[in-house]
PDB file of N, CA and C in Angstrom:
ATOM      1  N   MET A   1       0.731  -1.120   0.510  1.00  0.00           N
ATOM      2  CA  MET A   1       0.098  -0.168  -0.127  1.00  0.00           C
ATOM      3  C   MET A   1       0.654   1.577  -0.289  1.00  0.00           C
ATOM      4  N   ASN A   2       0.756   2.074  -0.395  1.00  0.00           N
ATOM      5  CA  ASN A   2       1.272   3.694   0.148  1.00  0.00           C
ATOM      6  C   ASN A   2       1.548   4.364   0.841  1.00  0.00           C
ATOM      7  N   PRO A   3       2.414   4.326   1.022  1.00  0.00           N
ATOM      8  CA  PRO A   3       2.783   4.689   2.551  1.00  0.00           C
ATOM      9  C   PRO A   3       1.858   6.434   2.362  1.00  0.00           C
ATOM     10  N   LEU A   4       2.305   7.208   1.907  1.00  0.00           N
ATOM     11  CA  LEU A   4       1.980   8.816   1.554  1.00  0.00           C
ATOM     12  C   LEU A   4      -0.215   8.539   2.317  1.00  0.00           C
ATOM     13  N   LEU A   5      -0.763   7.668   1.615  1.00  0.00           N
ATOM     14  CA  LEU A   5      -2.013   8.050   2.250  1.00  0.00           C
ATOM     15  C   LEU A   5      -2.591   6.839   3.259  1.00  0.00           C
ATOM     16  N   ILE A   6      -1.261   6.045   3.829  1.00  0.00           N
ATOM     17  CA  ILE A   6      -1.683   5.516   4.804  1.00  0.00           C
ATOM     18  C   ILE A   6      -1.566   7.072   6.200  1.00  0.00           C
ATOM     19  N   ASN A   7      -0.275   7.388   5.999  1.00  0.00           N
ATOM     20  CA  ASN A   7      -0.195   8.219   6.828  1.00  0.00           C
ATOM     21  C   ASN A   7      -0.843  10.129   7.232  1.00  0.00           C
ATOM     22  N   LEU A   8      -1.651   9.663   6.193  1.00  0.00           N
ATOM     23  CA  LEU A   8      -2.985  10.957   6.119  1.00  0.00           C
ATOM     24  C   LEU A   8      -3.985  10.902   7.549  1.00  0.00           C
ATOM     25  N   ASN A   9      -3.514  12.197   7.774  1.00  0.00           N
ATOM     26  CA  ASN A   9      -4.171  12.799   9.168  1.00  0.00           C
ATOM     27  C   ASN A   9      -6.477  12.752   9.118  1.00  0.00           C
ATOM     28  N   GLY A  10      -7.367  13.052  10.056  1.00  0.00           N
ATOM     29  CA  GLY A  10      -8.014  13.599   9.777  1.00  0.00           C
ATOM     30  C   GLY A  10      -8.482  15.531   9.096  1.00  0.00           C
ATOM     31  N   TRP A  11      -7.147  16.149   9.204  1.00  0.00           N
ATOM     32  CA  TRP A  11      -7.666  17.440   9.492  1.00  0.00           C
ATOM     33  C   TRP A  11      -6.554  17.724   7.972  1.00  0.00           C
ATOM     34  N   GLU A  12      -4.869  16.931   7.178  1.00  0.00           N
ATOM     35  CA  GLU A  12      -4.537  16.835   6.152  1.00  0.00           C
ATOM     36  C   GLU A  12      -5.461  17.406   4.230  1.00  0.00           C
ATOM     37  N   ILE A  13      -6.370  15.825   5.168  1.00  0.00           N
ATOM     38  CA  ILE A  13      -7.369  15.523   3.863  1.00  0.00           C
ATOM     39  C   ILE A  13      -7.791  17.090   3.127  1.00  0.00           C
ATOM     40  N   PRO A  14      -8.986  17.867   3.922  1.00  0.00           N
ATOM     41  CA  PRO A  14      -9.576  18.176   4.006  1.00  0.00           C
ATOM     42  C   PRO A  14      -8.936  19.816   3.584  1.00  0.00           C
ATOM     43  N   ILE A  15      -7.860  20.080   4.103  1.00  0.00           N
ATOM     44  CA  ILE A  15      -6.187  20.495   3.992  1.00  0.00           C
ATOM     45  C   ILE A  15      -6.183  21.286   1.842  1.00  0.00           C
ATOM     46  N   ILE A  16      -5.986  19.881   1.997  1.00  0.00           N
ATOM     47  CA  ILE A  16      -5.786  19.220   0.388  1.00  0.00           C
ATOM     48  C   ILE A  16      -6.796  19.215  -0.491  1.00  0.00           C
ATOM     49  N   VAL A  17      -7.600  19.190  -0.693  1.00  0.00           N
ATOM     50  CA  VAL A  17      -8.861  19.081  -0.977  1.00  0.00           C
ATOM     51  C   VAL A  17      -9.064  21.197  -1.661  1.00  0.00           C
ATOM     52  N   ILE A  18      -8.744  22.310  -0.121  1.00  0.00           N
ATOM     53  CA  ILE A  18      -8.573  23.340   0.202  1.00  0.00           C
ATOM     54  C   ILE A  18      -7.648  23.721  -1.439  1.00  0.00           C
ATOM     55  N   VAL A  19      -6.441  23.580  -1.262  1.00  0.00           N
ATOM     56  CA  VAL A  19      -5.129  23.757  -1.690  1.00  0.00           C
ATOM     57  C   VAL A  19      -5.654  23.403  -3.040  1.00  0.00           C
ATOM     58  N   ILE A  20      -6.685  21.952  -3.116  1.00  0.00           N
ATOM     59  CA  ILE A  20      -6.720  21.774  -5.451  1.00  0.00           C
ATOM     60  C   ILE A  20      -7.543  22.952  -5.204  1.00  0.00           C
ATOM     61  N   LEU A  21      -9.550  22.659  -4.580  1.00  0.00           N
ATOM     62  CA  LEU A  21      -9.290  23.764  -5.575  1.00  0.00           C
ATOM     63  C   LEU A  21      -8.913  25.508  -5.520  1.00  0.00           C
ATOM     64  N   ILE A  22      -8.328  26.093  -4.645  1.00  0.00           N
ATOM     65  CA  ILE A  22      -7.005  27.690  -4.680  1.00  0.00           C
ATOM     66  C   ILE A  22      -6.673  27.171  -6.442  1.00  0.00           C
ATOM     67  N   LEU A  23      -5.827  26.231  -6.379  1.00  0.00           N
ATOM     68  CA  LEU A  23      -5.402  26.055  -7.592  1.00  0.00           C
ATOM     69  C   LEU A  23      -5.796  25.335  -8.445  1.00  0.00           C
ATOM     70  N   PHE A  24      -7.284  25.436  -9.372  1.00  0.00           N
ATOM     71  CA  PHE A  24      -7.117  24.723 -10.089  1.00  0.00           C
ATOM     72  C   PHE A  24      -9.084  25.604  -9.945  1.00  0.00           C
ATOM     73  N   GLY A  25      -9.981  25.920  -9.549  1.00  0.00           N
ATOM     74  CA  GLY A  25     -10.740  26.871  -9.146  1.00  0.00           C
ATOM     75  C   GLY A  25     -11.877  26.075  -9.351  1.00  0.00           C
ATOM     76  N   GLY A  26     -12.914  26.368  -9.765  1.00  0.00           N
ATOM     77  CA  GLY A  26     -14.981  25.144  -8.874  1.00  0.00           C
ATOM     78  C   GLY A  26     -14.970  24.885 -10.474  1.00  0.00           C
ATOM     79  N   LYS A  27     -14.719  25.659 -11.688  1.00  0.00           N
ATOM     80  CA  LYS A  27     -14.810  24.980 -12.825  1.00  0.00           C
ATOM     81  C   LYS A  27     -13.837  24.317 -13.462  1.00  0.00           C
ATOM     82  N   LYS A  28     -12.854  24.332 -12.807  1.00  0.00           N
ATOM     83  CA  LYS A  28     -12.070  23.297 -13.683  1.00  0.00           C
ATOM     84  C   LYS A  28     -12.289  21.346 -13.134  1.00  0.00           C
ATOM     85  N   ILE A  29     -12.276  21.739 -11.421  1.00  0.00           N
ATOM     86  CA  ILE A  29     -12.995  20.556 -11.170  1.00  0.00           C
ATOM     87  C   ILE A  29     -13.639  18.990 -11.969  1.00  0.00           C
ATOM     88  N   PRO A  30     -15.055  20.167 -12.413  1.00  0.00           N
ATOM     89  CA  PRO A  30     -16.250  18.344 -13.090  1.00  0.00           C
ATOM     90  C   PRO A  30     -15.219  18.482 -14.573  1.00  0.00           C
ATOM     91  N   GLU A  31     -14.744  19.687 -14.931  1.00  0.00           N
ATOM     92  CA  GLU A  31     -14.893  19.265 -16.157  1.00  0.00           C
ATOM     93  C   GLU A  31     -13.425  18.340 -16.675  1.00  0.00           C
ATOM     94  N   PHE A  32     -12.501  18.047 -14.894  1.00  0.00           N
ATOM     95  CA  PHE A  32     -11.157  17.550 -15.287  1.00  0.00           C
ATOM     96  C   PHE A  32     -12.053  16.165 -14.571  1.00  0.00           C
ATOM     97  N   MET A  33     -13.247  15.541 -13.520  1.00  0.00           N
ATOM     98  CA  MET A  33     -13.401  14.849 -13.958  1.00  0.00           C
ATOM     99  C   MET A  33     -14.844  15.073 -14.516  1.00  0.00           C
ATOM    100  N   LYS A  34     -14.709  15.047 -15.649  1.00  0.00           N
ATOM    101  CA  LYS A  34     -15.635  14.631 -16.583  1.00  0.00           C
ATOM    102  C   LYS A  34     -14.568  13.893 -17.517  1.00  0.00           C
ATOM    103  N   GLY A  35     -14.032  14.496 -17.806  1.00  0.00           N
ATOM    104  CA  GLY A  35     -12.803  13.773 -19.150  1.00  0.00           C
ATOM    105  C   GLY A  35     -12.107  12.566 -18.153  1.00  0.00           C
ATOM    106  N   LEU A  36     -12.129  12.641 -16.700  1.00  0.00           N
ATOM    107  CA  LEU A  36     -11.632  11.510 -16.362  1.00  0.00           C
ATOM    108  C   LEU A  36     -12.497  10.063 -16.455  1.00  0.00           C
ATOM    109  N   GLY A  37     -13.830  10.806 -15.869  1.00  0.00           N
ATOM    110  CA  GLY A  37     -15.191   9.396 -16.124  1.00  0.00           C
ATOM    111  C   GLY A  37     -14.997   8.627 -17.681  1.00  0.00           C
ATOM    112  N   LYS A  38     -14.920   9.792 -18.616  1.00  0.00           N
ATOM    113  CA  LYS A  38     -14.805   9.232 -20.056  1.00  0.00           C
ATOM    114  C   LYS A  38     -13.524   8.849 -19.745  1.00  0.00           C
ATOM    115  N   GLY A  39     -12.462   8.757 -19.666  1.00  0.00           N
ATOM    116  CA  GLY A  39     -11.591   7.368 -19.465  1.00  0.00           C
ATOM    117  C   GLY A  39     -11.398   6.097 -19.010  1.00  0.00           C
ATOM    118  N   ILE A  40     -11.448   6.744 -18.068  1.00  0.00           N
ATOM    119  CA  ILE A  40     -12.103   4.970 -17.293  1.00  0.00           C
ATOM    120  C   ILE A  40     -13.810   4.260 -17.598  1.00  0.00           C
ATOM    121  N   ASN A  41     -14.418   4.981 -18.320  1.00  0.00           N
ATOM    122  CA  ASN A  41     -15.216   4.070 -19.386  1.00  0.00           C
ATOM    123  C   ASN A  41     -15.151   3.674 -20.708  1.00  0.00           C
ATOM    124  N   SER A  42     -13.728   4.351 -20.983  1.00  0.00           N
ATOM    125  CA  SER A  42     -13.139   4.013 -22.792  1.00  0.00           C
ATOM    126  C   SER A  42     -12.411   2.321 -21.758  1.00  0.00           C
ATOM    127  N   PHE A  43     -11.039   2.456 -20.567  1.00  0.00           N
ATOM    128  CA  PHE A  43     -10.404   1.808 -20.820  1.00  0.00           C
ATOM    129  C   PHE A  43     -11.907   0.899 -20.417  1.00  0.00           C
ATOM    130  N   LYS A  44     -13.205   0.771 -19.256  1.00  0.00           N
ATOM    131  CA  LYS A  44     -13.353  -0.127 -19.420  1.00  0.00           C
ATOM    132  C   LYS A  44     -14.096  -1.055 -20.389  1.00  0.00           C
ATOM    133  N   ARG A  45     -14.510  -0.579 -21.757  1.00  0.00           N
ATOM    134  CA  ARG A  45     -15.267  -0.804 -22.829  1.00  0.00           C
ATOM    135  C   ARG A  45     -13.149  -1.910 -23.526  1.00  0.00           C
ATOM    136  N   GLY A  46     -12.569  -1.532 -23.695  1.00  0.00           N
ATOM    137  CA  GLY A  46     -11.195  -2.104 -24.192  1.00  0.00           C
ATOM    138  C   GLY A  46     -11.504  -3.367 -23.359  1.00  0.00           C
ATOM    139  N   LEU A  47     -11.244  -3.349 -22.063  1.00  0.00           N
ATOM    140  CA  LEU A  47     -11.348  -4.716 -21.540  1.00  0.00           C
ATOM    141  C   LEU A  47     -12.512  -5.694 -22.068  1.00  0.00           C
ATOM    142  N   ASN A  48     -13.788  -5.041 -21.967  1.00  0.00           N
ATOM    143  CA  ASN A  48     -14.695  -6.063 -22.545  1.00  0.00           C
ATOM    144  C   ASN A  48     -14.338  -6.687 -23.545  1.00  0.00           C
ATOM    145  N   ASP A  49     -14.129  -5.469 -25.008  1.00  0.00           N
ATOM    146  CA  ASP A  49     -13.449  -6.248 -25.810  1.00  0.00           C
ATOM    147  C   ASP A  49     -12.275  -7.234 -25.712  1.00  0.00           C
ATOM    148  N   ILE A  50     -11.984  -7.145 -24.536  1.00  0.00           N
ATOM    149  CA  ILE A  50     -10.758  -8.011 -24.844  1.00  0.00           C
ATOM    150  C   ILE A  50     -11.239  -9.594 -24.414  1.00  0.00           C
ATOM    151  N   GLU A  51     -11.705  -8.976 -23.681  1.00  0.00           N
ATOM    152  CA  GLU A  51     -12.246 -10.016 -22.849  1.00  0.00           C
ATOM    153  C   GLU A  51     -13.837 -10.712 -23.885  1.00  0.00           C
ATOM    154  N   GLU A  52     -13.924 -10.468 -24.371  1.00  0.00           N
ATOM    155  CA  GLU A  52     -15.184 -11.319 -25.658  1.00  0.00           C
ATOM    156  C   GLU A  52     -14.587 -11.901 -26.345  1.00  0.00           C
ATOM    157  N   ASP A  53     -13.472 -11.081 -27.792  1.00  0.00           N
ATOM    158  CA  ASP A  53     -12.353 -11.880 -27.643  1.00  0.00           C
ATOM    159  C   ASP A  53     -12.150 -12.839 -28.033  1.00  0.00           C
ATOM    160  N   ILE A  54     -11.642 -12.802 -26.448  1.00  0.00           N
ATOM    161  CA  ILE A  54     -10.441 -14.246 -25.703  1.00  0.00           C
ATOM    162  C   ILE A  54     -11.790 -14.751 -25.312  1.00  0.00           C
ATOM    163  N   LYS A  55     -13.406 -14.681 -25.688  1.00  0.00           N
ATOM    164  CA  LYS A  55     -14.129 -15.641 -25.431  1.00  0.00           C
ATOM    165  C   LYS A  55     -13.887 -15.516 -26.999  1.00  0.00           C
ATOM    166  N   ALA A  56     -14.685 -15.517 -27.348  1.00  0.00           N
ATOM    167  CA  ALA A  56     -15.114 -16.219 -28.945  1.00  0.00           C
ATOM    168  C   ALA A  56     -13.798 -16.869 -29.712  1.00  0.00           C
ATOM    169  N   ASP A  57     -12.386 -17.064 -29.631  1.00  0.00           N
ATOM    170  CA  ASP A  57     -10.762 -17.700 -29.729  1.00  0.00           C
ATOM    171  C   ASP A  57     -11.393 -19.179 -29.441  1.00  0.00           C
ATOM    172  N   THR A  58     -11.031 -18.372 -27.760  1.00  0.00           N
ATOM    173  CA  THR A  58     -11.576 -20.056 -26.894  1.00  0.00           C
ATOM    174  C   THR A  58     -12.743 -21.146 -26.972  1.00  0.00           C
ATOM    175  N   THR A  59     -14.539 -20.531 -27.266  1.00  0.00           N
ATOM    176  CA  THR A  59     -15.215 -20.962 -28.617  1.00  0.00           C
ATOM    177  C   THR A  59     -14.608 -21.449 -29.577  1.00  0.00           C
ATOM    178  N   ASP A  60     -14.077 -20.791 -30.266  1.00  0.00           N
ATOM    179  CA  ASP A  60     -13.374 -20.745 -31.923  1.00  0.00           C
ATOM    180  C   ASP A  60     -12.456 -21.965 -32.169  1.00  0.00           C
ATOM    181  N   HIS A  61     -11.697 -22.294 -30.914  1.00  0.00           N
ATOM    182  CA  HIS A  61     -10.974 -22.961 -30.841  1.00  0.00           C
ATOM    183  C   HIS A  61     -11.635 -24.618 -30.173  1.00  0.00           C
ATOM    184  N   LYS A  62     -12.474 -24.239 -29.106  1.00  0.00           N
ATOM    185  CA  LYS A  62     -13.046 -26.344 -28.924  1.00  0.00           C
ATOM    186  C   LYS A  62     -14.506 -26.602 -30.023  1.00  0.00           C
ATOM    187  N   THR A  63     -14.650 -25.447 -30.671  1.00  0.00           N
ATOM    188  CA  THR A  63     -15.368 -26.150 -31.526  1.00  0.00           C
ATOM    189  C   THR A  63     -14.540 -27.145 -33.125  1.00  0.00           C
ATOM    190  N   SER A  64     -13.765 -26.068 -33.275  1.00  0.00           N
ATOM    191  CA  SER A  64     -12.710 -26.368 -34.563  1.00  0.00           C
ATOM    192  C   SER A  64     -12.348 -27.400 -34.398  1.00  0.00           C
ATOM    193  N   SER A  65     -11.586 -28.345 -33.116  1.00  0.00           N
ATOM    194  CA  SER A  65     -11.319 -29.391 -32.542  1.00  0.00           C
ATOM    195  C   SER A  65     -11.707 -30.852 -32.673  1.00  0.00           C
ATOM    196  N   THR A  66     -13.440 -30.164 -32.049  1.00  0.00           N
ATOM    197  CA  THR A  66     -14.423 -31.005 -32.249  1.00  0.00           C
ATOM    198  C   THR A  66     -14.278 -31.937 -33.475  1.00  0.00           C
ATOM    199  N   GLY A  67     -14.808 -30.677 -33.886  1.00  0.00           N
ATOM    200  CA  GLY A  67     -15.153 -30.658 -35.492  1.00  0.00           C
ATOM    201  C   GLY A  67     -14.066 -32.132 -36.424  1.00  0.00           C
ATOM    202  N   ASP A  68     -13.113 -31.646 -35.461  1.00  0.00           N
ATOM    203  CA  ASP A  68     -11.690 -32.664 -36.895  1.00  0.00           C
ATOM    204  C   ASP A  68     -11.981 -34.004 -36.539  1.00  0.00           C
ATOM    205  N   LYS A  69     -12.364 -33.777 -34.940  1.00  0.00           N
ATOM    206  CA  LYS A  69     -12.585 -35.517 -34.935  1.00  0.00           C
ATOM    207  C   LYS A  69     -13.004 -36.164 -35.677  1.00  0.00           C
TER     208      LYS A  69
END
């Protein structure tokens, strides 16, 4: 586990959030989170596509190997 996250106390987290709000402003954070959400969704879709391709490949391989006998 990341040692930086273990050492955060109760008061340090709100201070970090306030600093982020000051640095980026209230308008930039929702835009950033929206982009992050789109990126995560795209990554999940890619993983699902790869998983489906692997399942389809193994299914095709099993049916072709049983048809050869």
